[in-house]
Amino acid sequence: MTKMLLTDADLLVTMDRERREITNGALLIDGPRIVWVGASDELPPHHAAAIDQTISMRGKLVMPGMVNTHHHFYQTLTRVIPAAQDAVLFDWLKTLYPIWAEITPDDVEVSTELALTELLLSGCTTSSDHHYLWPNGTRLDDQFAAADRVGVRFHGARGSMSLGESQGGLPPDRVTEPEDLILRDCRRVVETYHDPNRFAMRRVVIAPCSPFSVTPDLMRESAALARSFGTAMHVHLHT
């Protein structure tokens, strides 16, 4: 594995138990692991002997990457719809659902790449995304492909909606899915992409959208599926 030394940072913020902040700081990375932090002039000799790459961080701050636990990447494509601006939640959703019903696999990839790049430029290196509508052949696979290109750690939340307007739900029927298909695809993406190991770059989260867009049965089945695979579960709740 490659050993990389970041050295001469104006300030290194460790966020360890002691909350140390080190001036003229250095950090040694061995593959995916941080193996040493300290002052640049205190690097132990046994570490200094086998460094593959050294990067000067003079004039810079070094800190742990931030973690984004909730996002909707596809919505980056509809930020400037006048009718949706300043609307309350349900009116906002009703305005945008017909537009979101037209998204394609390319739209999902582009919006994922855009959102992750914006996050990365803001110091975020790990992100989840709660994607819950799948029209026109879109799949969670499209998001993992984009995340691989950007190079961030990505937790893809396979969201779902099964209660459309005809059943008393909020979303149009055409952006909902049959519940057997939802559970089958959740199982598929976990088996295909979920990596439970430490330092994993890909994980899958089971993520029914909200109590008003799925049935109680689907909520229970989703929880059981997540429990059986040892994955996280994610859902919108409000009071």
Protein backbone atom coordinates (compact mmCIF):
# COMPACT_ATOMS: atom_id res chain seq x y z
CA MET A 1 0.00 0.00 0.00
CA THR A 2 1.08 3.58 -0.68
CA LYS A 3 2.36 5.61 2.27
CA MET A 4 1.63 9.33 1.97
CA LEU A 5 2.88 12.09 4.28
CA LEU A 6 1.07 15.41 4.57
CA THR A 7 3.51 17.79 6.22
CA ASP A 8 4.02 21.41 7.32
CA ALA A 9 0.30 22.17 7.73
CA ASP A 10 -0.29 25.54 9.34
CA LEU A 11 -2.84 23.80 11.55
CA LEU A 12 -3.81 20.14 11.87
CA VAL A 13 -7.17 19.61 13.61
CA THR A 14 -7.23 16.03 14.91
CA MET A 15 -10.77 15.77 16.40
CA ASP A 16 -9.35 13.06 18.69
CA ARG A 17 -10.50 12.58 22.29
CA GLU A 18 -8.26 15.40 23.46
CA ARG A 19 -9.34 17.64 20.57
CA ARG A 20 -5.70 18.42 19.77
CA GLU A 21 -4.87 21.16 17.29
CA ILE A 22 -1.27 20.92 16.08
CA THR A 23 0.62 23.80 14.48
CA ASN A 24 3.12 22.82 11.78
CA GLY A 25 1.26 19.52 11.76
CA ALA A 26 1.87 16.32 9.83
CA LEU A 27 -0.20 13.25 9.08
CA LEU A 28 0.94 9.86 7.74
CA ILE A 29 -1.44 7.69 5.73
CA ASP A 30 -0.81 4.00 4.98
CA GLY A 31 -3.35 2.86 2.38
CA PRO A 32 -6.76 3.68 3.89
CA ARG A 33 -5.45 4.20 7.45
CA ILE A 34 -4.08 7.24 9.26
CA VAL A 35 -1.16 5.73 11.20
CA TRP A 36 0.41 8.80 12.79
CA VAL A 37 -0.29 12.49 13.49
CA GLY A 38 1.93 15.04 15.16
CA ALA A 39 4.27 17.96 14.63
CA SER A 40 6.17 17.81 11.34
CA ASP A 41 9.55 17.75 13.07
CA GLU A 42 8.53 14.84 15.33
CA LEU A 43 7.92 12.15 12.69
CA PRO A 44 9.36 8.89 14.12
CA PRO A 45 12.34 7.52 12.13
CA HIS A 46 10.66 4.17 11.50
CA HIS A 47 7.83 5.99 9.71
CA ALA A 48 10.12 8.34 7.81
CA ALA A 49 12.00 5.48 6.17
CA ALA A 50 9.24 4.17 3.91
CA ILE A 51 7.23 7.12 2.56
CA ASP A 52 6.11 6.93 -1.08
CA GLN A 53 4.75 10.47 -1.45
CA THR A 54 5.17 13.71 0.51
CA ILE A 55 2.81 16.65 0.06
CA SER A 56 3.49 20.07 1.57
CA MET A 57 0.43 21.55 3.28
CA ARG A 58 2.09 24.88 4.03
CA GLY A 59 -0.51 27.64 4.24
CA LYS A 60 -3.32 25.10 4.67
CA LEU A 61 -5.58 23.61 7.32
CA VAL A 62 -5.80 19.81 7.58
CA MET A 63 -8.86 18.32 9.27
CA PRO A 64 -10.96 15.14 9.05
CA GLY A 65 -13.31 14.95 6.10
CA MET A 66 -16.87 15.90 6.91
CA VAL A 67 -19.73 13.41 6.68
CA ASN A 68 -23.09 14.21 5.06
CA THR A 69 -25.81 11.94 6.41
CA HIS A 70 -28.80 13.07 4.32
CA HIS A 71 -29.15 14.44 0.81
CA HIS A 72 -31.25 14.21 -2.37
CA PHE A 73 -28.74 14.51 -5.18
CA TYR A 74 -31.28 14.44 -8.02
CA GLN A 75 -32.86 17.62 -6.64
CA THR A 76 -29.75 19.60 -7.62
CA LEU A 77 -31.29 19.62 -11.12
CA THR A 78 -34.44 21.47 -9.99
CA ARG A 79 -33.08 24.19 -7.72
CA VAL A 80 -34.32 27.08 -9.84
CA ILE A 81 -37.94 26.17 -10.60
CA PRO A 82 -39.81 29.44 -9.83
CA ALA A 83 -43.07 27.77 -8.80
CA ALA A 84 -41.26 25.71 -6.17
CA GLN A 85 -39.24 28.49 -4.59
CA ASP A 86 -40.43 29.54 -1.13
CA ALA A 87 -43.21 26.93 -1.22
CA VAL A 88 -44.16 24.95 1.88
CA LEU A 89 -43.14 21.28 1.82
CA PHE A 90 -46.19 19.54 0.35
CA ASP A 91 -46.81 22.27 -2.25
CA TRP A 92 -43.13 22.10 -3.17
CA LEU A 93 -43.34 18.34 -3.60
CA LYS A 94 -46.52 18.51 -5.70
CA THR A 95 -44.87 21.07 -7.98
CA LEU A 96 -41.74 19.03 -8.51
CA TYR A 97 -43.01 15.43 -8.59
CA PRO A 98 -44.15 15.73 -12.26
CA ILE A 99 -40.68 17.01 -13.22
CA TRP A 100 -38.88 14.34 -11.22
CA ALA A 101 -41.05 11.70 -12.91
CA GLU A 102 -39.12 12.43 -16.12
CA ILE A 103 -35.58 11.89 -14.79
CA THR A 104 -33.40 9.40 -16.64
CA PRO A 105 -30.37 7.30 -15.70
CA ASP A 106 -28.15 10.01 -17.21
CA ASP A 107 -29.86 12.62 -15.04
CA VAL A 108 -29.19 10.54 -11.93
CA GLU A 109 -25.51 10.10 -12.82
CA VAL A 110 -25.01 13.79 -13.63
CA SER A 111 -26.81 15.02 -10.50
CA THR A 112 -24.90 12.56 -8.32
CA GLU A 113 -21.59 13.65 -9.79
CA LEU A 114 -22.53 17.33 -9.39
CA ALA A 115 -23.70 16.99 -5.78
CA LEU A 116 -20.71 14.89 -4.71
CA THR A 117 -18.27 17.29 -6.35
CA GLU A 118 -19.87 20.23 -4.55
CA LEU A 119 -19.63 18.34 -1.27
CA LEU A 120 -16.01 17.37 -1.89
CA LEU A 121 -15.09 20.99 -2.61
CA SER A 122 -16.66 21.86 0.76
CA GLY A 123 -14.54 19.31 2.65
CA CYS A 124 -17.04 16.42 2.72
CA THR A 125 -15.48 13.03 1.90
CA THR A 126 -18.32 10.70 2.92
CA SER A 127 -21.95 11.11 1.89
CA SER A 128 -25.23 9.28 1.94
CA ASP A 129 -28.00 10.01 -0.55
CA HIS A 130 -31.66 9.18 0.01
CA HIS A 131 -32.93 8.50 -3.50
CA TYR A 132 -36.53 7.28 -3.45
CA LEU A 133 -38.04 7.53 -6.95
CA TRP A 134 -36.93 5.40 -9.87
CA PRO A 135 -38.65 6.29 -13.17
CA ASN A 136 -37.46 5.47 -16.67
CA GLY A 137 -35.03 2.71 -15.77
CA THR A 138 -33.06 4.65 -13.15
CA ARG A 139 -31.25 2.49 -10.59
CA LEU A 140 -28.99 2.88 -7.58
CA ASP A 141 -26.25 1.50 -9.83
CA ASP A 142 -26.21 4.89 -11.62
CA GLN A 143 -25.25 6.60 -8.37
CA PHE A 144 -22.51 4.16 -7.48
CA ALA A 145 -21.00 4.61 -10.95
CA ALA A 146 -20.88 8.39 -10.45
CA ALA A 147 -19.52 8.10 -6.90
CA ASP A 148 -16.69 5.90 -8.17
CA ARG A 149 -15.69 8.59 -10.66
CA VAL A 150 -15.65 11.33 -8.02
CA GLY A 151 -13.79 9.13 -5.53
CA VAL A 152 -15.81 9.73 -2.36
CA ARG A 153 -17.03 7.24 0.20
CA PHE A 154 -20.70 6.72 -0.69
CA HIS A 155 -23.59 5.21 1.23
CA GLY A 156 -26.41 4.75 -1.29
CA ALA A 157 -29.82 4.77 0.39
CA ARG A 158 -32.21 2.70 -1.73
CA GLY A 159 -35.36 4.68 -1.09
CA SER A 160 -38.90 3.69 -2.02
CA MET A 161 -42.45 4.98 -2.39
CA SER A 162 -45.41 2.63 -2.79
CA LEU A 163 -48.42 4.78 -1.82
CA GLY A 164 -49.51 6.95 -4.74
CA GLU A 165 -52.33 9.47 -4.96
CA SER A 166 -54.87 6.81 -5.88
CA GLN A 167 -54.20 5.10 -2.53
CA GLY A 168 -54.22 8.26 -0.44
CA GLY A 169 -50.52 9.00 -0.70
CA LEU A 170 -48.86 12.24 -1.74
CA PRO A 171 -46.78 11.29 -4.82
CA PRO A 172 -48.26 10.64 -8.28
CA ASP A 173 -48.78 6.95 -8.95
CA ARG A 174 -46.21 6.98 -11.76
CA VAL A 175 -43.31 7.61 -9.35
CA THR A 176 -44.28 4.76 -7.00
CA GLU A 177 -43.30 1.09 -7.26
CA PRO A 178 -44.91 -2.24 -6.38
CA GLU A 179 -43.74 -3.37 -2.97
CA ASP A 180 -42.51 -6.78 -4.11
CA LEU A 181 -40.29 -5.06 -6.70
CA ILE A 182 -38.98 -2.63 -4.07
CA LEU A 183 -37.93 -5.40 -1.70
CA ARG A 184 -36.44 -7.47 -4.51
CA ASP A 185 -34.32 -4.56 -5.74
CA CYS A 186 -33.26 -3.63 -2.21
CA ARG A 187 -31.95 -7.15 -1.79
CA ARG A 188 -30.20 -6.97 -5.18
CA VAL A 189 -28.34 -3.72 -4.46
CA VAL A 190 -27.27 -4.87 -1.00
CA GLU A 191 -25.91 -8.11 -2.45
CA THR A 192 -24.21 -6.22 -5.29
CA TYR A 193 -22.75 -3.15 -3.60
CA HIS A 194 -22.82 -3.31 0.20
CA ASP A 195 -19.38 -3.69 1.78
CA PRO A 196 -19.56 -4.07 5.59
CA ASN A 197 -15.80 -3.95 6.07
CA ARG A 198 -13.90 -1.13 7.77
CA PHE A 199 -12.75 1.53 5.28
CA ALA A 200 -15.41 0.41 2.77
CA MET A 201 -16.05 2.92 -0.01
CA ARG A 202 -19.54 1.53 -0.76
CA ARG A 203 -22.42 0.76 1.52
CA VAL A 204 -26.15 0.38 0.94
CA VAL A 205 -28.90 1.66 3.23
CA ILE A 206 -32.53 0.50 3.11
CA ALA A 207 -34.60 3.70 3.00
CA PRO A 208 -38.42 3.76 2.69
CA CYS A 209 -39.23 7.39 1.97
CA SER A 210 -41.69 8.31 4.71
CA PRO A 211 -44.70 6.99 6.64
CA PHE A 212 -47.06 8.81 4.24
CA SER A 213 -45.51 7.36 1.07
CA VAL A 214 -45.17 3.66 1.97
CA THR A 215 -47.49 1.19 3.67
CA PRO A 216 -46.90 -0.06 7.22
CA ASP A 217 -46.20 -3.49 5.72
CA LEU A 218 -43.40 -2.13 3.53
CA MET A 219 -41.92 -0.24 6.48
CA ARG A 220 -41.85 -3.45 8.52
CA GLU A 221 -40.49 -5.55 5.65
CA SER A 222 -37.79 -2.96 4.95
CA ALA A 223 -36.73 -3.00 8.59
CA ALA A 224 -36.61 -6.80 8.58
CA LEU A 225 -34.53 -6.81 5.40
CA ALA A 226 -32.07 -4.27 6.79
CA ARG A 227 -31.79 -6.27 9.99
CA SER A 228 -31.15 -9.51 8.11
CA PHE A 229 -28.28 -7.96 6.13
CA GLY A 230 -26.91 -5.87 8.99
CA THR A 231 -27.36 -2.64 7.05
CA ALA A 232 -28.62 0.71 8.28
CA MET A 233 -32.18 1.90 7.69
CA HIS A 234 -33.06 5.51 6.85
CA VAL A 235 -36.45 7.24 6.68
CA HIS A 236 -38.01 10.71 6.75
CA LEU A 237 -39.97 11.37 9.94
CA HIS A 238 -41.70 14.57 10.96
CA THR A 239 -43.95 15.81 13.73
